[in-house]
PDB file of N, CA and C in Angstrom:
ATOM      1  N   MET A   1     -12.998  -8.014 -76.873  1.00  0.00           N
ATOM      2  CA  MET A   1     -13.312  -8.892 -76.614  1.00  0.00           C
ATOM      3  C   MET A   1     -14.626  -8.807 -75.338  1.00  0.00           C
ATOM      4  N   GLU A   2     -15.640  -9.083 -74.842  1.00  0.00           N
ATOM      5  CA  GLU A   2     -16.412  -9.191 -73.655  1.00  0.00           C
ATOM      6  C   GLU A   2     -16.057  -9.654 -72.402  1.00  0.00           C
ATOM      7  N   SER A   3     -15.150  -9.449 -71.490  1.00  0.00           N
ATOM      8  CA  SER A   3     -15.406 -10.007 -69.840  1.00  0.00           C
ATOM      9  C   SER A   3     -16.537 -10.602 -69.424  1.00  0.00           C
ATOM     10  N   ARG A   4     -16.204 -11.823 -69.214  1.00  0.00           N
ATOM     11  CA  ARG A   4     -17.231 -12.301 -67.660  1.00  0.00           C
ATOM     12  C   ARG A   4     -16.798 -11.735 -66.695  1.00  0.00           C
ATOM     13  N   PRO A   5     -18.036 -11.952 -65.463  1.00  0.00           N
ATOM     14  CA  PRO A   5     -18.175 -11.356 -63.861  1.00  0.00           C
ATOM     15  C   PRO A   5     -17.063 -12.487 -63.570  1.00  0.00           C
ATOM     16  N   THR A   6     -16.365 -12.917 -62.541  1.00  0.00           N
ATOM     17  CA  THR A   6     -16.199 -13.702 -61.795  1.00  0.00           C
ATOM     18  C   THR A   6     -16.298 -14.075 -61.237  1.00  0.00           C
ATOM     19  N   PRO A   7     -17.286 -15.631 -61.333  1.00  0.00           N
ATOM     20  CA  PRO A   7     -17.963 -16.645 -60.367  1.00  0.00           C
ATOM     21  C   PRO A   7     -17.088 -16.050 -58.451  1.00  0.00           C
ATOM     22  N   SER A   8     -18.961 -15.617 -58.197  1.00  0.00           N
ATOM     23  CA  SER A   8     -18.702 -16.045 -56.740  1.00  0.00           C
ATOM     24  C   SER A   8     -18.251 -17.161 -56.098  1.00  0.00           C
ATOM     25  N   ALA A   9     -17.716 -17.466 -55.273  1.00  0.00           N
ATOM     26  CA  ALA A   9     -17.071 -18.676 -54.416  1.00  0.00           C
ATOM     27  C   ALA A   9     -18.000 -19.550 -54.116  1.00  0.00           C
ATOM     28  N   THR A  10     -19.595 -19.391 -53.978  1.00  0.00           N
ATOM     29  CA  THR A  10     -20.579 -19.869 -54.031  1.00  0.00           C
ATOM     30  C   THR A  10     -20.632 -20.514 -55.184  1.00  0.00           C
ATOM     31  N   GLN A  11     -21.100 -20.002 -56.467  1.00  0.00           N
ATOM     32  CA  GLN A  11     -20.820 -20.359 -58.102  1.00  0.00           C
ATOM     33  C   GLN A  11     -19.896 -21.445 -57.647  1.00  0.00           C
ATOM     34  N   GLN A  12     -19.026 -21.267 -57.605  1.00  0.00           N
ATOM     35  CA  GLN A  12     -17.184 -21.877 -57.987  1.00  0.00           C
ATOM     36  C   GLN A  12     -18.215 -23.211 -56.795  1.00  0.00           C
ATOM     37  N   HIS A  13     -17.827 -22.909 -55.611  1.00  0.00           N
ATOM     38  CA  HIS A  13     -18.820 -24.761 -54.802  1.00  0.00           C
ATOM     39  C   HIS A  13     -19.476 -25.350 -55.536  1.00  0.00           C
ATOM     40  N   HIS A  14     -20.624 -24.729 -55.841  1.00  0.00           N
ATOM     41  CA  HIS A  14     -21.403 -25.408 -56.452  1.00  0.00           C
ATOM     42  C   HIS A  14     -21.230 -25.999 -58.081  1.00  0.00           C
ATOM     43  N   ALA A  15     -20.088 -25.546 -58.667  1.00  0.00           N
ATOM     44  CA  ALA A  15     -19.868 -26.029 -59.638  1.00  0.00           C
ATOM     45  C   ALA A  15     -19.185 -27.132 -59.896  1.00  0.00           C
ATOM     46  N   ARG A  16     -17.991 -27.106 -58.357  1.00  0.00           N
ATOM     47  CA  ARG A  16     -17.356 -28.442 -58.562  1.00  0.00           C
ATOM     48  C   ARG A  16     -17.905 -29.542 -57.074  1.00  0.00           C
ATOM     49  N   HIS A  17     -19.445 -28.979 -56.694  1.00  0.00           N
ATOM     50  CA  HIS A  17     -19.654 -30.689 -55.476  1.00  0.00           C
ATOM     51  C   HIS A  17     -20.848 -30.542 -56.047  1.00  0.00           C
ATOM     52  N   ASP A  18     -22.005 -31.292 -55.227  1.00  0.00           N
ATOM     53  CA  ASP A  18     -23.002 -31.744 -55.476  1.00  0.00           C
ATOM     54  C   ASP A  18     -24.261 -30.614 -55.375  1.00  0.00           C
ATOM     55  N   PRO A  19     -24.609 -30.573 -55.686  1.00  0.00           N
ATOM     56  CA  PRO A  19     -25.776 -29.020 -55.196  1.00  0.00           C
ATOM     57  C   PRO A  19     -26.280 -28.803 -53.976  1.00  0.00           C
ATOM     58  N   PHE A  20     -26.020 -30.379 -53.896  1.00  0.00           N
ATOM     59  CA  PHE A  20     -26.938 -30.367 -52.496  1.00  0.00           C
ATOM     60  C   PHE A  20     -26.162 -29.839 -51.079  1.00  0.00           C
ATOM     61  N   GLU A  21     -26.032 -29.391 -50.085  1.00  0.00           N
ATOM     62  CA  GLU A  21     -24.849 -29.072 -49.003  1.00  0.00           C
ATOM     63  C   GLU A  21     -25.909 -28.578 -47.888  1.00  0.00           C
ATOM     64  N   PRO A  22     -24.931 -29.850 -46.622  1.00  0.00           N
ATOM     65  CA  PRO A  22     -25.283 -29.851 -45.297  1.00  0.00           C
ATOM     66  C   PRO A  22     -25.928 -28.569 -45.266  1.00  0.00           C
ATOM     67  N   ASP A  23     -26.883 -28.143 -44.462  1.00  0.00           N
ATOM     68  CA  ASP A  23     -26.497 -26.759 -43.738  1.00  0.00           C
ATOM     69  C   ASP A  23     -25.384 -26.106 -42.944  1.00  0.00           C
ATOM     70  N   GLY A  24     -24.683 -27.454 -42.003  1.00  0.00           N
ATOM     71  CA  GLY A  24     -23.752 -26.910 -41.109  1.00  0.00           C
ATOM     72  C   GLY A  24     -22.254 -26.454 -42.168  1.00  0.00           C
ATOM     73  N   ASP A  25     -22.263 -27.443 -42.962  1.00  0.00           N
ATOM     74  CA  ASP A  25     -21.546 -27.361 -44.206  1.00  0.00           C
ATOM     75  C   ASP A  25     -21.901 -26.160 -44.659  1.00  0.00           C
ATOM     76  N   TYR A  26     -22.773 -25.683 -44.948  1.00  0.00           N
ATOM     77  CA  TYR A  26     -22.410 -24.347 -45.882  1.00  0.00           C
ATOM     78  C   TYR A  26     -21.663 -22.751 -44.791  1.00  0.00           C
ATOM     79  N   PHE A  27     -22.921 -22.870 -43.158  1.00  0.00           N
ATOM     80  CA  PHE A  27     -22.646 -22.157 -43.039  1.00  0.00           C
ATOM     81  C   PHE A  27     -20.875 -21.623 -41.804  1.00  0.00           C
ATOM     82  N   SER A  28     -20.586 -23.136 -42.255  1.00  0.00           N
ATOM     83  CA  SER A  28     -19.208 -22.935 -41.946  1.00  0.00           C
ATOM     84  C   SER A  28     -18.227 -22.071 -43.046  1.00  0.00           C
ATOM     85  N   ARG A  29     -18.854 -22.821 -44.307  1.00  0.00           N
ATOM     86  CA  ARG A  29     -18.067 -21.725 -45.754  1.00  0.00           C
ATOM     87  C   ARG A  29     -18.062 -21.047 -45.208  1.00  0.00           C
ATOM     88  N   ARG A  30     -19.388 -20.185 -45.471  1.00  0.00           N
ATOM     89  CA  ARG A  30     -19.957 -18.924 -45.393  1.00  0.00           C
ATOM     90  C   ARG A  30     -19.088 -18.123 -44.630  1.00  0.00           C
ATOM     91  N   SER A  31     -18.890 -18.944 -43.708  1.00  0.00           N
ATOM     92  CA  SER A  31     -18.041 -17.914 -42.312  1.00  0.00           C
ATOM     93  C   SER A  31     -16.512 -17.813 -42.843  1.00  0.00           C
ATOM     94  N   ARG A  32     -15.971 -18.755 -43.307  1.00  0.00           N
ATOM     95  CA  ARG A  32     -14.560 -18.553 -44.109  1.00  0.00           C
ATOM     96  C   ARG A  32     -14.961 -17.491 -45.065  1.00  0.00           C
ATOM     97  N   GLU A  33     -15.505 -17.840 -45.714  1.00  0.00           N
ATOM     98  CA  GLU A  33     -15.303 -16.336 -47.105  1.00  0.00           C
ATOM     99  C   GLU A  33     -15.894 -15.137 -46.216  1.00  0.00           C
ATOM    100  N   GLU A  34     -16.670 -15.164 -45.751  1.00  0.00           N
ATOM    101  CA  GLU A  34     -16.475 -13.552 -45.306  1.00  0.00           C
ATOM    102  C   GLU A  34     -15.742 -13.206 -44.211  1.00  0.00           C
ATOM    103  N   ASN A  35     -14.905 -13.781 -43.620  1.00  0.00           N
ATOM    104  CA  ASN A  35     -13.519 -13.808 -42.820  1.00  0.00           C
ATOM    105  C   ASN A  35     -12.625 -13.582 -44.037  1.00  0.00           C
ATOM    106  N   ALA A  36     -12.292 -14.452 -45.055  1.00  0.00           N
ATOM    107  CA  ALA A  36     -11.686 -13.491 -46.010  1.00  0.00           C
ATOM    108  C   ALA A  36     -11.787 -12.526 -46.910  1.00  0.00           C
ATOM    109  N   ALA A  37     -13.154 -12.113 -47.038  1.00  0.00           N
ATOM    110  CA  ALA A  37     -13.483 -11.115 -47.614  1.00  0.00           C
ATOM    111  C   ALA A  37     -13.300  -9.567 -46.382  1.00  0.00           C
ATOM    112  N   ALA A  38     -13.676  -9.867 -45.093  1.00  0.00           N
ATOM    113  CA  ALA A  38     -12.607  -8.898 -44.020  1.00  0.00           C
ATOM    114  C   ALA A  38     -11.087  -8.607 -45.003  1.00  0.00           C
ATOM    115  N   GLU A  39     -10.479  -9.759 -44.119  1.00  0.00           N
ATOM    116  CA  GLU A  39      -9.439  -9.443 -44.934  1.00  0.00           C
ATOM    117  C   GLU A  39      -8.717  -8.470 -46.113  1.00  0.00           C
ATOM    118  N   HIS A  40      -9.300  -8.154 -47.094  1.00  0.00           N
ATOM    119  CA  HIS A  40      -9.421  -7.969 -48.322  1.00  0.00           C
ATOM    120  C   HIS A  40     -10.723  -6.619 -48.293  1.00  0.00           C
ATOM    121  N   ALA A  41     -11.246  -5.591 -46.715  1.00  0.00           N
ATOM    122  CA  ALA A  41     -11.924  -5.131 -47.195  1.00  0.00           C
ATOM    123  C   ALA A  41     -11.065  -3.601 -47.911  1.00  0.00           C
ATOM    124  N   SER A  42     -11.749  -2.924 -48.296  1.00  0.00           N
ATOM    125  CA  SER A  42     -11.146  -1.408 -48.555  1.00  0.00           C
ATOM    126  C   SER A  42     -10.975  -0.365 -47.449  1.00  0.00           C
ATOM    127  N   CYS A  43     -12.628  -0.462 -46.591  1.00  0.00           N
ATOM    128  CA  CYS A  43     -12.562   0.740 -45.387  1.00  0.00           C
ATOM    129  C   CYS A  43     -13.318  -0.132 -43.641  1.00  0.00           C
ATOM    130  N   PRO A  44     -12.698   0.430 -43.161  1.00  0.00           N
ATOM    131  CA  PRO A  44     -13.005   0.003 -41.865  1.00  0.00           C
ATOM    132  C   PRO A  44     -14.352  -0.510 -41.109  1.00  0.00           C
ATOM    133  N   GLN A  45     -15.308   0.401 -42.204  1.00  0.00           N
ATOM    134  CA  GLN A  45     -16.737  -0.043 -41.751  1.00  0.00           C
ATOM    135  C   GLN A  45     -17.532  -2.004 -43.171  1.00  0.00           C
ATOM    136  N   SER A  46     -17.007  -1.826 -44.051  1.00  0.00           N
ATOM    137  CA  SER A  46     -16.675  -3.311 -44.695  1.00  0.00           C
ATOM    138  C   SER A  46     -16.207  -4.232 -43.820  1.00  0.00           C
ATOM    139  N   ARG A  47     -14.902  -3.915 -43.595  1.00  0.00           N
ATOM    140  CA  ARG A  47     -14.990  -4.575 -42.352  1.00  0.00           C
ATOM    141  C   ARG A  47     -15.156  -5.138 -41.970  1.00  0.00           C
ATOM    142  N   THR A  48     -15.781  -4.670 -40.596  1.00  0.00           N
ATOM    143  CA  THR A  48     -16.293  -4.871 -39.538  1.00  0.00           C
ATOM    144  C   THR A  48     -18.113  -5.544 -40.056  1.00  0.00           C
ATOM    145  N   ALA A  49     -18.836  -5.136 -41.639  1.00  0.00           N
ATOM    146  CA  ALA A  49     -19.712  -5.568 -41.830  1.00  0.00           C
ATOM    147  C   ALA A  49     -19.392  -7.283 -41.842  1.00  0.00           C
ATOM    148  N   HIS A  50     -18.380  -7.428 -42.889  1.00  0.00           N
ATOM    149  CA  HIS A  50     -17.757  -8.839 -42.887  1.00  0.00           C
ATOM    150  C   HIS A  50     -17.592  -9.478 -41.890  1.00  0.00           C
ATOM    151  N   LEU A  51     -16.979  -9.191 -40.230  1.00  0.00           N
ATOM    152  CA  LEU A  51     -16.294 -10.007 -39.478  1.00  0.00           C
ATOM    153  C   LEU A  51     -17.951 -10.441 -39.195  1.00  0.00           C
ATOM    154  N   GLU A  52     -18.982  -9.612 -38.940  1.00  0.00           N
ATOM    155  CA  GLU A  52     -20.937  -9.714 -38.215  1.00  0.00           C
ATOM    156  C   GLU A  52     -20.774 -10.914 -38.862  1.00  0.00           C
ATOM    157  N   LEU A  53     -20.852 -10.432 -39.992  1.00  0.00           N
ATOM    158  CA  LEU A  53     -21.670 -12.097 -40.888  1.00  0.00           C
ATOM    159  C   LEU A  53     -20.520 -13.398 -40.271  1.00  0.00           C
ATOM    160  N   ALA A  54     -19.382 -12.821 -40.795  1.00  0.00           N
ATOM    161  CA  ALA A  54     -18.932 -14.645 -40.454  1.00  0.00           C
ATOM    162  C   ALA A  54     -18.877 -15.114 -38.766  1.00  0.00           C
ATOM    163  N   SER A  55     -19.111 -14.032 -37.780  1.00  0.00           N
ATOM    164  CA  SER A  55     -19.514 -13.998 -36.396  1.00  0.00           C
ATOM    165  C   SER A  55     -20.639 -14.949 -36.602  1.00  0.00           C
ATOM    166  N   ARG A  56     -21.722 -14.527 -37.277  1.00  0.00           N
ATOM    167  CA  ARG A  56     -22.801 -14.921 -37.610  1.00  0.00           C
ATOM    168  C   ARG A  56     -23.181 -17.092 -37.626  1.00  0.00           C
ATOM    169  N   TYR A  57     -22.570 -16.539 -38.914  1.00  0.00           N
ATOM    170  CA  TYR A  57     -22.215 -17.478 -40.407  1.00  0.00           C
ATOM    171  C   TYR A  57     -21.327 -19.178 -38.580  1.00  0.00           C
ATOM    172  N   ALA A  58     -21.181 -17.854 -37.821  1.00  0.00           N
ATOM    173  CA  ALA A  58     -20.038 -19.425 -37.205  1.00  0.00           C
ATOM    174  C   ALA A  58     -20.892 -19.885 -36.642  1.00  0.00           C
ATOM    175  N   LEU A  59     -21.694 -18.743 -35.890  1.00  0.00           N
ATOM    176  CA  LEU A  59     -22.700 -19.394 -34.681  1.00  0.00           C
ATOM    177  C   LEU A  59     -23.190 -20.587 -34.958  1.00  0.00           C
ATOM    178  N   LEU A  60     -24.098 -20.330 -36.255  1.00  0.00           N
ATOM    179  CA  LEU A  60     -24.815 -21.196 -37.076  1.00  0.00           C
ATOM    180  C   LEU A  60     -24.784 -22.397 -37.582  1.00  0.00           C
ATOM    181  N   ALA A  61     -23.439 -22.078 -37.329  1.00  0.00           N
ATOM    182  CA  ALA A  61     -22.687 -23.476 -37.865  1.00  0.00           C
ATOM    183  C   ALA A  61     -22.292 -24.744 -36.622  1.00  0.00           C
ATOM    184  N   ALA A  62     -22.269 -23.736 -35.839  1.00  0.00           N
ATOM    185  CA  ALA A  62     -22.044 -24.471 -34.241  1.00  0.00           C
ATOM    186  C   ALA A  62     -23.103 -24.792 -33.400  1.00  0.00           C
ATOM    187  N   ALA A  63     -23.824 -23.986 -33.563  1.00  0.00           N
ATOM    188  CA  ALA A  63     -25.726 -24.442 -33.028  1.00  0.00           C
ATOM    189  C   ALA A  63     -26.167 -25.875 -34.021  1.00  0.00           C
ATOM    190  N   ILE A  64     -26.318 -26.198 -35.450  1.00  0.00           N
ATOM    191  CA  ILE A  64     -26.508 -27.396 -35.798  1.00  0.00           C
ATOM    192  C   ILE A  64     -25.418 -27.994 -36.081  1.00  0.00           C
ATOM    193  N   ARG A  65     -24.129 -28.421 -35.563  1.00  0.00           N
ATOM    194  CA  ARG A  65     -23.463 -29.710 -34.647  1.00  0.00           C
ATOM    195  C   ARG A  65     -23.782 -29.655 -33.490  1.00  0.00           C
ATOM    196  N   GLU A  66     -23.414 -28.787 -32.715  1.00  0.00           N
ATOM    197  CA  GLU A  66     -24.418 -29.170 -31.313  1.00  0.00           C
ATOM    198  C   GLU A  66     -25.483 -30.196 -31.390  1.00  0.00           C
ATOM    199  N   ALA A  67     -26.210 -29.344 -32.337  1.00  0.00           N
ATOM    200  CA  ALA A  67     -28.224 -29.799 -32.260  1.00  0.00           C
ATOM    201  C   ALA A  67     -27.598 -31.385 -33.313  1.00  0.00           C
ATOM    202  N   SER A  68     -26.594 -31.904 -34.080  1.00  0.00           N
ATOM    203  CA  SER A  68     -26.325 -33.338 -34.903  1.00  0.00           C
ATOM    204  C   SER A  68     -26.700 -34.227 -33.989  1.00  0.00           C
ATOM    205  N   GLY A  69     -25.183 -33.455 -32.980  1.00  0.00           N
ATOM    206  CA  GLY A  69     -24.479 -34.335 -32.213  1.00  0.00           C
ATOM    207  C   GLY A  69     -25.731 -35.209 -30.936  1.00  0.00           C
ATOM    208  N   LYS A  70     -26.383 -34.244 -30.126  1.00  0.00           N
ATOM    209  CA  LYS A  70     -27.732 -34.267 -29.398  1.00  0.00           C
ATOM    210  C   LYS A  70     -28.687 -35.124 -29.756  1.00  0.00           C
ATOM    211  N   LEU A  71     -29.045 -35.414 -31.783  1.00  0.00           N
ATOM    212  CA  LEU A  71     -29.854 -36.351 -32.702  1.00  0.00           C
ATOM    213  C   LEU A  71     -29.065 -37.966 -32.792  1.00  0.00           C
ATOM    214  N   GLY A  72     -27.793 -37.405 -33.352  1.00  0.00           N
ATOM    215  CA  GLY A  72     -27.543 -38.498 -33.346  1.00  0.00           C
ATOM    216  C   GLY A  72     -26.481 -39.141 -32.513  1.00  0.00           C
TER     217      GLY A  72
END
């Protein structure tokens, strides 16, 4: 019996939700996913890379929330 690869968190999200996800929600979710990946990283370099990505995504999500507040 052939095993199938486990779907990524993004693939699982799209399987459960509408395919359209607001940018701010996407970046917030990706930040959480990268933080989780950092917790399970096998080496310090990988942990650092995941934490850097998480920080970038969090900054993007915050910028979108701020811009949305000014527009609406």
